[in-house]
């Protein structure tokens, strides 16, 4: 009697296992169907959700300044190299500003191209893919612009002042590229790079001379 009961239990266990295996198989088939239904466009959309955002933490800023200061410190063993150190403070800052401006211009050009693609879109796969590709390019430009602008501000507000402290040379307030026409306008109004300019408008003298690379400040006039 006990043996019969045990066999019934085994049969029940077998049936239960078979049911579970059937459920697992059904789930596997269902998953495969769902995977097949995922299009390339859907995968691209999912990937966008995981696109890294610009790193804006203080640790990166400190690391950037430290690396750039290391570059500056490669010079300076000779007193004649101090001016090189001072110029690096401005030129590296200018480099990031120019890179950001270039990316901005590229992004604006891409936006114009995107508007044309929107007008030409007829709802077919080819035109839709062209739009998506252009939008992806714009997103990349936007990301680069954010990073480069951030690096520029770090250089202007943190790196450049440190270089001034190392060299003792002060080129005056940093003039952004977009503000340079104002400086040029002052020159056209009759301002010249003379000792009189230095005496009457020291900031203008330093801005023009440093940004244009015309002269270097003598140590006795700093």
N, C-alpha and C. Protein backbone atom coordinates (compact mmCIF):
# COMPACT_ATOMS: atom_id res chain seq x y z
N UNK A 1 0.84 -1.21 0.00
CA UNK A 1 0.00 0.00 0.00
C UNK A 1 0.86 1.24 0.00
N UNK A 2 1.88 1.19 0.81
CA UNK A 2 2.80 2.31 0.90
C UNK A 2 3.51 2.53 -0.43
N UNK A 3 3.87 1.46 -1.10
CA UNK A 3 4.54 1.53 -2.39
C UNK A 3 3.66 2.19 -3.44
N UNK A 4 2.36 1.87 -3.45
CA UNK A 4 1.42 2.46 -4.39
C UNK A 4 1.31 3.97 -4.16
N UNK A 5 1.24 4.34 -2.90
CA UNK A 5 1.15 5.77 -2.57
C UNK A 5 2.39 6.51 -3.05
N UNK A 6 3.51 5.91 -2.87
CA UNK A 6 4.77 6.52 -3.30
C UNK A 6 4.81 6.68 -4.81
N UNK A 7 4.32 5.72 -5.53
CA UNK A 7 4.29 5.80 -6.98
C UNK A 7 3.36 6.90 -7.46
N UNK A 8 2.21 7.01 -6.77
CA UNK A 8 1.29 8.09 -7.12
C UNK A 8 1.95 9.45 -6.90
N UNK A 9 2.69 9.54 -5.79
CA UNK A 9 3.40 10.80 -5.52
C UNK A 9 4.42 11.11 -6.61
N UNK A 10 5.13 10.11 -7.07
CA UNK A 10 6.12 10.30 -8.12
C UNK A 10 5.46 10.73 -9.42
N UNK A 11 4.29 10.11 -9.69
CA UNK A 11 3.58 10.48 -10.90
C UNK A 11 3.14 11.95 -10.85
N UNK A 12 2.64 12.35 -9.66
CA UNK A 12 2.23 13.74 -9.49
C UNK A 12 3.41 14.70 -9.66
N UNK A 13 4.52 14.32 -9.06
CA UNK A 13 5.73 15.15 -9.18
C UNK A 13 6.16 15.26 -10.65
N UNK A 14 6.08 14.12 -11.34
CA UNK A 14 6.45 14.13 -12.76
C UNK A 14 5.54 15.05 -13.56
N UNK A 15 4.25 14.95 -13.27
CA UNK A 15 3.29 15.79 -13.99
C UNK A 15 3.52 17.27 -13.70
N UNK A 16 3.83 17.57 -12.44
CA UNK A 16 4.10 18.95 -12.06
C UNK A 16 5.35 19.48 -12.77
N UNK A 17 6.37 18.65 -12.85
CA UNK A 17 7.60 19.05 -13.54
C UNK A 17 7.34 19.29 -15.02
N UNK A 18 6.52 18.40 -15.60
CA UNK A 18 6.20 18.57 -17.01
C UNK A 18 5.45 19.88 -17.26
N UNK A 19 4.54 20.20 -16.34
CA UNK A 19 3.80 21.45 -16.47
C UNK A 19 4.73 22.66 -16.40
N UNK A 20 5.66 22.59 -15.45
CA UNK A 20 6.62 23.69 -15.31
C UNK A 20 7.51 23.81 -16.54
N UNK A 21 7.93 22.68 -17.08
CA UNK A 21 8.75 22.69 -18.29
C UNK A 21 7.98 23.27 -19.46
N UNK A 22 6.69 22.94 -19.53
CA UNK A 22 5.86 23.49 -20.60
C UNK A 22 5.74 25.00 -20.47
N UNK A 23 5.57 25.48 -19.23
CA UNK A 23 5.48 26.91 -19.00
C UNK A 23 6.78 27.63 -19.38
N UNK A 24 7.90 27.00 -19.02
CA UNK A 24 9.20 27.58 -19.35
C UNK A 24 9.39 27.66 -20.86
N UNK A 25 8.98 26.60 -21.55
CA UNK A 25 9.11 26.57 -23.00
C UNK A 25 8.21 27.64 -23.65
N UNK A 26 6.99 27.78 -23.13
CA UNK A 26 6.09 28.80 -23.65
C UNK A 26 6.67 30.21 -23.44
N UNK A 27 7.27 30.41 -22.27
CA UNK A 27 7.87 31.70 -21.98
C UNK A 27 9.05 31.98 -22.90
N UNK A 28 9.83 30.92 -23.18
CA UNK A 28 10.98 31.08 -24.08
C UNK A 28 10.52 31.47 -25.48
N UNK A 29 9.49 30.82 -25.95
CA UNK A 29 8.95 31.12 -27.28
C UNK A 29 8.43 32.54 -27.33
N UNK A 30 7.74 32.95 -26.26
CA UNK A 30 7.20 34.31 -26.19
C UNK A 30 8.32 35.35 -26.19
N UNK A 31 9.40 35.06 -25.45
CA UNK A 31 10.54 35.99 -25.40
C UNK A 31 11.20 36.13 -26.76
N UNK A 32 11.30 35.02 -27.47
CA UNK A 32 11.90 35.06 -28.80
C UNK A 32 11.06 35.91 -29.75
N UNK A 33 9.75 35.77 -29.63
CA UNK A 33 8.86 36.58 -30.47
C UNK A 33 9.03 38.07 -30.17
N UNK A 34 9.15 38.40 -28.88
CA UNK A 34 9.32 39.79 -28.49
C UNK A 34 10.65 40.34 -29.00
N UNK A 35 11.72 39.52 -28.90
CA UNK A 35 13.03 39.95 -29.37
C UNK A 35 13.02 40.20 -30.87
N UNK A 36 12.30 39.35 -31.60
CA UNK A 36 12.22 39.51 -33.05
C UNK A 36 11.45 40.78 -33.43
N UNK A 37 10.54 41.18 -32.55
CA UNK A 37 9.71 42.36 -32.86
C UNK A 37 10.44 43.67 -32.56
N UNK A 38 11.61 43.62 -31.88
CA UNK A 38 12.36 44.82 -31.56
C UNK A 38 13.11 45.29 -32.80
N UNK A 39 12.82 46.47 -33.27
CA UNK A 39 13.44 47.00 -34.47
C UNK A 39 14.74 47.73 -34.14
N UNK A 40 15.51 48.03 -35.18
CA UNK A 40 16.75 48.78 -35.01
C UNK A 40 16.47 50.15 -34.40
N UNK A 41 15.36 50.76 -34.85
CA UNK A 41 15.00 52.08 -34.33
C UNK A 41 14.73 52.02 -32.83
N UNK A 42 14.06 50.93 -32.39
CA UNK A 42 13.77 50.78 -30.97
C UNK A 42 15.06 50.61 -30.17
N UNK A 43 16.00 49.85 -30.71
CA UNK A 43 17.28 49.66 -30.03
C UNK A 43 18.04 50.98 -29.94
N UNK A 44 17.99 51.78 -31.01
CA UNK A 44 18.65 53.08 -30.99
C UNK A 44 18.04 53.99 -29.93
N UNK A 45 16.72 53.92 -29.80
CA UNK A 45 16.04 54.74 -28.80
C UNK A 45 16.43 54.33 -27.40
N UNK A 46 16.55 53.01 -27.19
CA UNK A 46 16.98 52.50 -25.88
C UNK A 46 18.41 52.96 -25.59
N UNK A 47 19.27 52.91 -26.62
CA UNK A 47 20.67 53.30 -26.44
C UNK A 47 20.79 54.77 -26.04
N UNK A 48 19.89 55.62 -26.59
CA UNK A 48 19.93 57.05 -26.26
C UNK A 48 19.71 57.28 -24.77
N UNK A 49 18.90 56.42 -24.16
CA UNK A 49 18.60 56.58 -22.73
C UNK A 49 19.84 56.34 -21.87
N UNK A 50 20.81 55.59 -22.45
CA UNK A 50 22.02 55.27 -21.69
C UNK A 50 23.22 56.09 -22.14
N UNK A 51 22.97 57.12 -22.98
CA UNK A 51 24.07 57.97 -23.42
C UNK A 51 24.64 58.71 -22.22
N UNK A 52 25.97 58.67 -22.07
CA UNK A 52 26.58 59.32 -20.91
C UNK A 52 26.35 60.82 -20.94
N UNK A 53 26.15 61.40 -19.79
CA UNK A 53 26.00 62.85 -19.67
C UNK A 53 27.35 63.46 -19.33
N UNK A 54 27.55 64.72 -19.68
CA UNK A 54 28.84 65.35 -19.39
C UNK A 54 29.20 65.28 -17.91
N UNK A 55 30.45 64.97 -17.67
CA UNK A 55 30.94 64.88 -16.30
C UNK A 55 31.22 66.30 -15.79
N UNK A 56 30.45 66.75 -14.83
CA UNK A 56 30.62 68.12 -14.34
C UNK A 56 31.00 68.16 -12.86
N UNK A 57 31.72 67.15 -12.40
CA UNK A 57 32.06 67.16 -10.99
C UNK A 57 33.39 67.86 -10.75
N UNK A 58 33.58 68.26 -9.52
CA UNK A 58 34.76 69.04 -9.14
C UNK A 58 36.05 68.25 -9.32
N UNK A 59 35.98 66.93 -9.15
CA UNK A 59 37.18 66.11 -9.29
C UNK A 59 37.78 66.25 -10.69
N UNK A 60 36.91 66.28 -11.70
CA UNK A 60 37.42 66.44 -13.06
C UNK A 60 38.05 67.82 -13.25
N UNK A 61 37.40 68.84 -12.72
CA UNK A 61 37.94 70.19 -12.84
C UNK A 61 39.33 70.27 -12.21
N UNK A 62 39.46 69.70 -11.01
CA UNK A 62 40.75 69.71 -10.33
C UNK A 62 41.80 68.96 -11.13
N UNK A 63 41.40 67.82 -11.72
CA UNK A 63 42.33 67.02 -12.51
C UNK A 63 42.77 67.78 -13.76
N UNK A 64 41.83 68.44 -14.42
CA UNK A 64 42.15 69.21 -15.62
C UNK A 64 43.15 70.30 -15.31
N UNK A 65 42.91 71.05 -14.24
CA UNK A 65 43.82 72.14 -13.86
C UNK A 65 45.19 71.58 -13.50
N UNK A 66 45.21 70.46 -12.78
CA UNK A 66 46.48 69.86 -12.35
C UNK A 66 47.32 69.43 -13.56
N UNK A 67 46.66 68.83 -14.54
CA UNK A 67 47.37 68.37 -15.75
C UNK A 67 47.93 69.57 -16.52
N UNK A 68 47.14 70.62 -16.65
CA UNK A 68 47.58 71.79 -17.39
C UNK A 68 48.70 72.54 -16.66
N UNK A 69 48.61 72.58 -15.35
CA UNK A 69 49.69 73.21 -14.56
C UNK A 69 50.98 72.41 -14.72
N UNK A 70 50.86 71.08 -14.83
CA UNK A 70 52.05 70.24 -15.06
C UNK A 70 52.71 70.61 -16.37
N UNK A 71 51.89 70.89 -17.38
CA UNK A 71 52.43 71.32 -18.66
C UNK A 71 53.15 72.66 -18.52
N UNK A 72 52.55 73.58 -17.82
CA UNK A 72 53.17 74.90 -17.61
C UNK A 72 54.50 74.75 -16.88
N UNK A 73 54.55 73.85 -15.92
CA UNK A 73 55.75 73.67 -15.10
C UNK A 73 56.88 72.96 -15.84
N UNK A 74 56.61 72.48 -17.06
CA UNK A 74 57.70 71.93 -17.87
C UNK A 74 58.66 73.04 -18.27
N UNK A 75 58.15 74.27 -18.23
CA UNK A 75 58.97 75.43 -18.56
C UNK A 75 59.24 76.20 -17.27
N UNK A 76 60.10 77.19 -17.34
CA UNK A 76 60.32 78.04 -16.17
C UNK A 76 61.64 77.83 -15.47
N UNK A 77 62.41 76.78 -15.88
CA UNK A 77 63.72 76.60 -15.26
C UNK A 77 64.64 77.77 -15.60
N UNK A 78 64.44 78.31 -16.78
CA UNK A 78 65.17 79.48 -17.24
C UNK A 78 64.24 80.69 -17.12
N UNK A 79 64.76 81.80 -16.65
CA UNK A 79 63.92 82.99 -16.49
C UNK A 79 63.32 83.45 -17.81
N UNK A 80 63.98 83.12 -18.92
CA UNK A 80 63.45 83.51 -20.23
C UNK A 80 62.20 82.72 -20.61
N UNK A 81 61.95 81.62 -19.89
CA UNK A 81 60.80 80.78 -20.22
C UNK A 81 59.54 81.18 -19.46
N UNK A 82 59.66 82.14 -18.57
CA UNK A 82 58.50 82.56 -17.79
C UNK A 82 57.40 83.10 -18.69
N UNK A 83 57.81 83.83 -19.73
CA UNK A 83 56.82 84.39 -20.64
C UNK A 83 56.07 83.28 -21.38
N UNK A 84 56.77 82.15 -21.64
CA UNK A 84 56.11 80.99 -22.26
C UNK A 84 55.05 80.45 -21.33
N UNK A 85 55.38 80.33 -20.05
CA UNK A 85 54.41 79.86 -19.07
C UNK A 85 53.19 80.78 -19.04
N UNK A 86 53.45 82.09 -19.04
CA UNK A 86 52.35 83.06 -18.98
C UNK A 86 51.45 82.94 -20.21
N UNK A 87 52.07 82.78 -21.38
CA UNK A 87 51.30 82.67 -22.61
C UNK A 87 50.47 81.38 -22.65
N UNK A 88 51.00 80.32 -22.06
CA UNK A 88 50.24 79.06 -22.02
C UNK A 88 48.93 79.25 -21.27
N UNK A 89 48.96 80.06 -20.23
CA UNK A 89 47.73 80.31 -19.48
C UNK A 89 46.64 80.87 -20.36
N UNK A 90 47.01 81.76 -21.26
CA UNK A 90 46.02 82.36 -22.17
C UNK A 90 45.73 81.46 -23.36
N UNK A 91 46.76 80.89 -23.96
CA UNK A 91 46.58 80.16 -25.21
C UNK A 91 45.82 78.85 -25.03
N UNK A 92 46.02 78.17 -23.91
CA UNK A 92 45.26 76.94 -23.66
C UNK A 92 43.79 77.28 -23.41
N UNK A 93 43.58 78.37 -22.69
CA UNK A 93 42.21 78.84 -22.47
C UNK A 93 41.56 79.19 -23.81
N UNK A 94 42.30 79.90 -24.65
CA UNK A 94 41.80 80.28 -25.97
C UNK A 94 41.51 79.05 -26.84
N UNK A 95 42.35 78.03 -26.69
CA UNK A 95 42.16 76.81 -27.47
C UNK A 95 40.80 76.19 -27.21
N UNK A 96 40.43 76.06 -25.93
CA UNK A 96 39.13 75.48 -25.60
C UNK A 96 37.99 76.38 -26.09
N UNK A 97 38.18 77.69 -26.00
CA UNK A 97 37.13 78.61 -26.48
C UNK A 97 36.92 78.44 -27.98
N UNK A 98 38.03 78.36 -28.74
CA UNK A 98 37.92 78.20 -30.19
C UNK A 98 37.29 76.86 -30.56
N UNK A 99 37.68 75.81 -29.85
CA UNK A 99 37.11 74.49 -30.12
C UNK A 99 35.60 74.50 -29.88
N UNK A 100 35.18 75.13 -28.80
CA UNK A 100 33.75 75.21 -28.49
C UNK A 100 33.02 76.01 -29.57
N UNK A 101 33.63 77.12 -30.02
CA UNK A 101 33.00 77.93 -31.07
C UNK A 101 32.88 77.15 -32.38
N UNK A 102 33.91 76.39 -32.71
CA UNK A 102 33.88 75.59 -33.94
C UNK A 102 32.78 74.54 -33.90
N UNK A 103 32.65 73.87 -32.74
CA UNK A 103 31.60 72.87 -32.59
C UNK A 103 30.23 73.52 -32.67
N UNK A 104 30.10 74.71 -32.07
CA UNK A 104 28.83 75.44 -32.12
C UNK A 104 28.45 75.75 -33.57
N UNK A 105 29.43 76.21 -34.34
CA UNK A 105 29.16 76.53 -35.75
C UNK A 105 28.77 75.28 -36.53
N UNK A 106 29.44 74.17 -36.26
CA UNK A 106 29.09 72.91 -36.92
C UNK A 106 27.67 72.48 -36.56
N UNK A 107 27.34 72.62 -35.28
CA UNK A 107 26.00 72.25 -34.83
C UNK A 107 24.92 73.10 -35.48
N UNK A 108 25.18 74.39 -35.62
CA UNK A 108 24.21 75.28 -36.26
C UNK A 108 24.02 74.92 -37.73
N UNK A 109 25.12 74.55 -38.39
CA UNK A 109 25.03 74.13 -39.79
C UNK A 109 24.21 72.84 -39.92
N UNK A 110 24.42 71.92 -38.98
CA UNK A 110 23.68 70.66 -39.00
C UNK A 110 22.19 70.89 -38.77
N UNK A 111 21.86 71.87 -37.90
CA UNK A 111 20.45 72.18 -37.65
C UNK A 111 19.77 72.70 -38.92
N UNK A 112 20.49 73.50 -39.70
CA UNK A 112 19.93 73.98 -40.96
C UNK A 112 19.68 72.81 -41.92
N UNK A 113 20.64 71.87 -41.94
CA UNK A 113 20.48 70.69 -42.79
C UNK A 113 19.30 69.85 -42.32
N UNK A 114 19.10 69.79 -41.00
CA UNK A 114 17.99 69.02 -40.45
C UNK A 114 16.65 69.62 -40.87
N UNK A 115 16.56 70.94 -40.87
CA UNK A 115 15.31 71.60 -41.29
C UNK A 115 14.97 71.24 -42.74
N UNK A 116 16.00 71.16 -43.58
CA UNK A 116 15.78 70.79 -44.98
C UNK A 116 15.26 69.36 -45.06
N UNK A 117 15.85 68.47 -44.25
CA UNK A 117 15.41 67.07 -44.25
C UNK A 117 13.98 66.93 -43.77
N UNK A 118 13.59 67.76 -42.79
CA UNK A 118 12.20 67.74 -42.32
C UNK A 118 11.23 68.12 -43.45
N UNK A 119 11.63 69.13 -44.23
CA UNK A 119 10.76 69.56 -45.34
C UNK A 119 10.69 68.50 -46.44
N UNK A 120 11.77 67.75 -46.61
CA UNK A 120 11.83 66.75 -47.67
C UNK A 120 11.28 65.39 -47.24
N UNK A 121 10.97 65.25 -45.97
CA UNK A 121 10.52 63.95 -45.44
C UNK A 121 9.17 63.56 -46.05
N UNK A 122 9.12 62.35 -46.60
CA UNK A 122 7.88 61.84 -47.18
C UNK A 122 7.37 60.62 -46.42
N UNK A 123 7.94 60.40 -45.24
CA UNK A 123 7.45 59.32 -44.39
C UNK A 123 7.95 57.94 -44.73
N UNK A 124 8.96 57.84 -45.59
CA UNK A 124 9.51 56.52 -45.91
C UNK A 124 10.77 56.28 -45.10
N UNK A 125 11.24 55.04 -45.13
CA UNK A 125 12.36 54.65 -44.27
C UNK A 125 13.63 55.45 -44.58
N UNK A 126 13.88 55.68 -45.86
CA UNK A 126 15.11 56.38 -46.24
C UNK A 126 15.16 57.78 -45.65
N UNK A 127 14.08 58.54 -45.81
CA UNK A 127 14.07 59.92 -45.30
C UNK A 127 14.07 59.94 -43.77
N UNK A 128 13.39 58.97 -43.16
CA UNK A 128 13.38 58.88 -41.70
C UNK A 128 14.77 58.59 -41.16
N UNK A 129 15.49 57.70 -41.84
CA UNK A 129 16.86 57.36 -41.41
C UNK A 129 17.78 58.56 -41.54
N UNK A 130 17.60 59.34 -42.60
CA UNK A 130 18.42 60.54 -42.78
C UNK A 130 18.19 61.53 -41.64
N UNK A 131 16.95 61.69 -41.25
CA UNK A 131 16.62 62.59 -40.14
C UNK A 131 17.24 62.09 -38.84
N UNK A 132 17.12 60.80 -38.58
CA UNK A 132 17.66 60.24 -37.34
C UNK A 132 19.18 60.37 -37.30
N UNK A 133 19.84 60.14 -38.43
CA UNK A 133 21.30 60.27 -38.49
C UNK A 133 21.71 61.71 -38.20
N UNK A 134 20.97 62.66 -38.77
CA UNK A 134 21.31 64.07 -38.57
C UNK A 134 21.06 64.48 -37.12
N UNK A 135 19.99 63.99 -36.53
CA UNK A 135 19.70 64.29 -35.12
C UNK A 135 20.79 63.72 -34.22
N UNK A 136 21.29 62.54 -34.57
CA UNK A 136 22.35 61.93 -33.77
C UNK A 136 23.63 62.77 -33.87
N UNK A 137 23.93 63.26 -35.05
CA UNK A 137 25.10 64.13 -35.22
C UNK A 137 24.96 65.39 -34.38
N UNK A 138 23.78 65.97 -34.36
CA UNK A 138 23.54 67.18 -33.58
C UNK A 138 23.69 66.90 -32.08
N UNK A 139 23.21 65.75 -31.64
CA UNK A 139 23.35 65.38 -30.23
C UNK A 139 24.82 65.27 -29.85
N UNK A 140 25.64 64.73 -30.76
CA UNK A 140 27.06 64.60 -30.49
C UNK A 140 27.71 65.98 -30.40
N UNK A 141 27.32 66.88 -31.31
CA UNK A 141 27.86 68.23 -31.28
C UNK A 141 27.46 68.95 -29.99
N UNK A 142 26.21 68.73 -29.56
CA UNK A 142 25.72 69.36 -28.33
C UNK A 142 26.52 68.87 -27.12
N UNK A 143 26.81 67.58 -27.10
CA UNK A 143 27.59 67.00 -26.00
C UNK A 143 29.01 67.59 -25.99
N UNK A 144 29.64 67.63 -27.18
CA UNK A 144 30.99 68.17 -27.27
C UNK A 144 31.02 69.64 -26.85
N UNK A 145 30.03 70.40 -27.28
CA UNK A 145 29.99 71.82 -26.94
C UNK A 145 29.89 72.02 -25.43
N UNK A 146 29.08 71.20 -24.78
CA UNK A 146 28.93 71.29 -23.32
C UNK A 146 30.27 71.04 -22.63
N UNK A 147 30.97 70.00 -23.06
CA UNK A 147 32.26 69.65 -22.45
C UNK A 147 33.29 70.76 -22.69
N UNK A 148 33.40 71.20 -23.94
CA UNK A 148 34.42 72.19 -24.28
C UNK A 148 34.17 73.54 -23.62
N UNK A 149 32.90 73.94 -23.56
CA UNK A 149 32.57 75.20 -22.89
C UNK A 149 32.90 75.12 -21.41
N UNK A 150 32.61 73.98 -20.83
CA UNK A 150 32.93 73.78 -19.42
C UNK A 150 34.44 73.85 -19.18
N UNK A 151 35.23 73.18 -20.05
CA UNK A 151 36.68 73.21 -19.91
C UNK A 151 37.22 74.63 -20.09
N UNK A 152 36.64 75.37 -21.01
CA UNK A 152 37.04 76.77 -21.22
C UNK A 152 36.84 77.58 -19.95
N UNK A 153 35.68 77.44 -19.31
CA UNK A 153 35.40 78.21 -18.10
C UNK A 153 36.33 77.82 -16.96
N UNK A 154 36.65 76.52 -16.87
CA UNK A 154 37.59 76.06 -15.85
C UNK A 154 38.95 76.70 -16.07
N UNK A 155 39.39 76.74 -17.33
CA UNK A 155 40.69 77.35 -17.65
C UNK A 155 40.69 78.85 -17.36
N UNK A 156 39.62 79.51 -17.75
CA UNK A 156 39.55 80.96 -17.55
C UNK A 156 39.49 81.33 -16.08
N UNK A 157 38.70 80.60 -15.31
CA UNK A 157 38.42 80.99 -13.92
C UNK A 157 39.37 80.35 -12.90
N UNK A 158 40.01 79.22 -13.26
CA UNK A 158 40.86 78.53 -12.29
C UNK A 158 42.31 78.40 -12.77
N UNK A 159 42.47 77.86 -13.99
CA UNK A 159 43.82 77.60 -14.50
C UNK A 159 44.59 78.90 -14.76
N UNK A 160 43.98 79.82 -15.47
CA UNK A 160 44.65 81.07 -15.83
C UNK A 160 45.11 81.86 -14.60
N UNK A 161 44.26 82.02 -13.56
CA UNK A 161 44.72 82.71 -12.36
C UNK A 161 45.90 82.02 -11.68
N UNK A 162 45.93 80.68 -11.73
CA UNK A 162 47.06 79.96 -11.13
C UNK A 162 48.35 80.24 -11.90
N UNK A 163 48.24 80.31 -13.21
CA UNK A 163 49.43 80.62 -14.03
C UNK A 163 49.93 82.02 -13.69
N UNK A 164 49.01 82.94 -13.50
CA UNK A 164 49.38 84.30 -13.11
C UNK A 164 50.14 84.27 -11.78
N UNK A 165 49.68 83.42 -10.84
CA UNK A 165 50.36 83.33 -9.55
C UNK A 165 51.75 82.72 -9.68
N UNK A 166 51.92 81.79 -10.63
CA UNK A 166 53.22 81.14 -10.82
C UNK A 166 54.22 82.10 -11.47
N UNK A 167 53.76 82.83 -12.47
CA UNK A 167 54.66 83.68 -13.27
C UNK A 167 54.78 85.11 -12.77
N UNK A 168 53.74 85.58 -12.11
CA UNK A 168 53.72 86.98 -11.70
C UNK A 168 53.40 87.91 -12.84
N UNK A 169 53.04 87.37 -13.99
CA UNK A 169 52.72 88.18 -15.17
C UNK A 169 51.21 88.26 -15.32
N UNK A 170 50.69 89.47 -15.42
CA UNK A 170 49.25 89.68 -15.53
C UNK A 170 48.93 90.31 -16.88
N UNK A 171 48.25 89.54 -17.73
CA UNK A 171 47.88 90.05 -19.05
C UNK A 171 46.54 90.79 -19.02
N UNK A 172 45.99 90.98 -17.85
CA UNK A 172 44.73 91.69 -17.74
C UNK A 172 43.53 90.78 -17.90
N UNK A 173 42.37 91.36 -17.94
CA UNK A 173 41.13 90.61 -18.04
C UNK A 173 41.06 89.85 -19.36
N UNK A 174 40.61 88.61 -19.30
CA UNK A 174 40.51 87.79 -20.49
C UNK A 174 39.41 88.33 -21.41
N UNK A 175 39.75 88.49 -22.68
CA UNK A 175 38.78 88.98 -23.66
C UNK A 175 38.31 87.83 -24.54
N UNK A 176 37.02 87.53 -24.52
CA UNK A 176 36.50 86.44 -25.33
C UNK A 176 36.46 86.85 -26.80
N UNK A 177 36.47 85.85 -27.67
CA UNK A 177 36.50 86.10 -29.11
C UNK A 177 35.32 86.97 -29.56
N UNK A 178 34.17 86.72 -28.96
CA UNK A 178 32.98 87.48 -29.36
C UNK A 178 33.08 88.95 -28.98
N UNK A 179 33.97 89.26 -28.03
CA UNK A 179 34.13 90.65 -27.61
C UNK A 179 35.30 91.34 -28.31
N UNK A 180 36.09 90.59 -29.08
CA UNK A 180 37.25 91.18 -29.73
C UNK A 180 36.89 92.31 -30.69
N UNK A 181 35.77 92.22 -31.43
CA UNK A 181 35.41 93.35 -32.31
C UNK A 181 35.30 94.68 -31.57
N UNK A 182 34.87 94.61 -30.32
CA UNK A 182 34.78 95.84 -29.52
C UNK A 182 36.16 96.45 -29.32
N UNK A 183 37.14 95.57 -29.09
CA UNK A 183 38.51 96.04 -28.89
C UNK A 183 39.04 96.64 -30.19
N UNK A 184 38.78 95.92 -31.30
CA UNK A 184 39.22 96.42 -32.61
C UNK A 184 38.59 97.77 -32.91
N UNK A 185 37.32 97.91 -32.52
CA UNK A 185 36.62 99.19 -32.75
C UNK A 185 37.32 100.32 -32.01
N UNK A 186 37.77 100.04 -30.80
CA UNK A 186 38.48 101.06 -30.04
C UNK A 186 39.77 101.46 -30.75
N UNK A 187 40.43 100.45 -31.33
CA UNK A 187 41.67 100.75 -32.05
C UNK A 187 41.37 101.68 -33.23
N UNK A 188 40.30 101.35 -33.96
CA UNK A 188 39.93 102.16 -35.14
C UNK A 188 39.55 103.59 -34.76
N UNK A 189 39.14 103.76 -33.51
CA UNK A 189 38.77 105.10 -33.05
C UNK A 189 40.00 105.95 -32.74
N UNK A 190 41.17 105.33 -32.86
CA UNK A 190 42.38 106.11 -32.66
C UNK A 190 43.29 105.59 -31.57
N UNK A 191 42.86 104.54 -30.86
CA UNK A 191 43.71 103.97 -29.83
C UNK A 191 44.88 103.25 -30.48
N UNK A 192 46.09 103.46 -29.96
CA UNK A 192 47.27 102.82 -30.49
C UNK A 192 48.02 102.14 -29.35
N UNK A 193 48.82 101.13 -29.72
CA UNK A 193 49.61 100.43 -28.72
C UNK A 193 50.88 101.23 -28.43
N UNK A 194 50.72 102.22 -27.59
CA UNK A 194 51.84 103.08 -27.24
C UNK A 194 51.94 103.15 -25.72
N UNK A 195 52.98 103.79 -25.26
CA UNK A 195 53.11 104.01 -23.82
C UNK A 195 51.95 104.84 -23.31
N UNK A 196 51.44 105.77 -24.13
CA UNK A 196 50.28 106.57 -23.73
C UNK A 196 49.06 105.68 -23.51
N UNK A 197 48.89 104.68 -24.41
CA UNK A 197 47.78 103.74 -24.24
C UNK A 197 47.93 102.98 -22.95
N UNK A 198 49.17 102.54 -22.68
CA UNK A 198 49.43 101.80 -21.46
C UNK A 198 49.09 102.64 -20.24
N UNK A 199 49.45 103.91 -20.29
CA UNK A 199 49.22 104.79 -19.14
C UNK A 199 47.74 105.10 -18.94
N UNK A 200 47.04 105.36 -20.06
CA UNK A 200 45.65 105.82 -19.98
C UNK A 200 44.62 104.69 -19.97
N UNK A 201 44.97 103.56 -20.59
CA UNK A 201 44.00 102.45 -20.69
C UNK A 201 44.78 101.14 -20.63
N UNK A 202 45.27 100.84 -19.43
CA UNK A 202 46.15 99.67 -19.25
C UNK A 202 45.47 98.37 -19.67
N UNK A 203 44.18 98.20 -19.29
CA UNK A 203 43.48 96.96 -19.63
C UNK A 203 43.39 96.77 -21.13
N UNK A 204 43.08 97.85 -21.86
CA UNK A 204 42.99 97.77 -23.31
C UNK A 204 44.35 97.40 -23.90
N UNK A 205 45.41 98.02 -23.40
CA UNK A 205 46.75 97.74 -23.89
C UNK A 205 47.09 96.26 -23.71
N UNK A 206 46.81 95.74 -22.52
CA UNK A 206 47.13 94.35 -22.23
C UNK A 206 46.27 93.39 -23.05
N UNK A 207 44.99 93.73 -23.18
CA UNK A 207 44.10 92.89 -23.98
C UNK A 207 44.60 92.76 -25.41
N UNK A 208 44.86 93.89 -26.04
CA UNK A 208 45.26 93.89 -27.44
C UNK A 208 46.61 93.20 -27.62
N UNK A 209 47.57 93.58 -26.80
CA UNK A 209 48.92 93.05 -26.97
C UNK A 209 48.95 91.54 -26.73
N UNK A 210 48.23 91.08 -25.71
CA UNK A 210 48.27 89.65 -25.40
C UNK A 210 47.46 88.84 -26.40
N UNK A 211 46.23 89.28 -26.70
CA UNK A 211 45.37 88.51 -27.59
C UNK A 211 45.96 88.44 -28.99
N UNK A 212 46.58 89.50 -29.45
CA UNK A 212 47.12 89.54 -30.80
C UNK A 212 48.59 89.11 -30.86
N UNK A 213 49.22 88.92 -29.71
CA UNK A 213 50.61 88.49 -29.70
C UNK A 213 51.58 89.53 -30.23
N UNK A 214 51.24 90.80 -30.05
CA UNK A 214 52.06 91.87 -30.64
C UNK A 214 53.29 92.16 -29.78
N UNK A 215 53.07 92.31 -28.48
CA UNK A 215 54.18 92.66 -27.61
C UNK A 215 54.12 91.82 -26.35
N UNK A 216 55.20 91.85 -25.61
CA UNK A 216 55.26 91.21 -24.31
C UNK A 216 55.50 92.30 -23.28
N UNK A 217 54.88 92.13 -22.12
CA UNK A 217 55.03 93.14 -21.07
C UNK A 217 56.44 93.08 -20.48
N UNK A 218 57.18 94.18 -20.50
CA UNK A 218 58.47 94.21 -19.79
C UNK A 218 58.24 94.01 -18.29
N UNK A 219 59.21 93.36 -17.65
CA UNK A 219 59.03 93.06 -16.24
C UNK A 219 58.88 94.34 -15.40
N UNK A 220 59.59 95.41 -15.80
CA UNK A 220 59.54 96.62 -14.99
C UNK A 220 58.25 97.40 -15.16
N UNK A 221 57.38 96.97 -16.11
CA UNK A 221 56.09 97.65 -16.30
C UNK A 221 54.92 96.80 -15.82
N UNK A 222 55.19 95.61 -15.29
CA UNK A 222 54.09 94.74 -14.86
C UNK A 222 53.48 95.27 -13.58
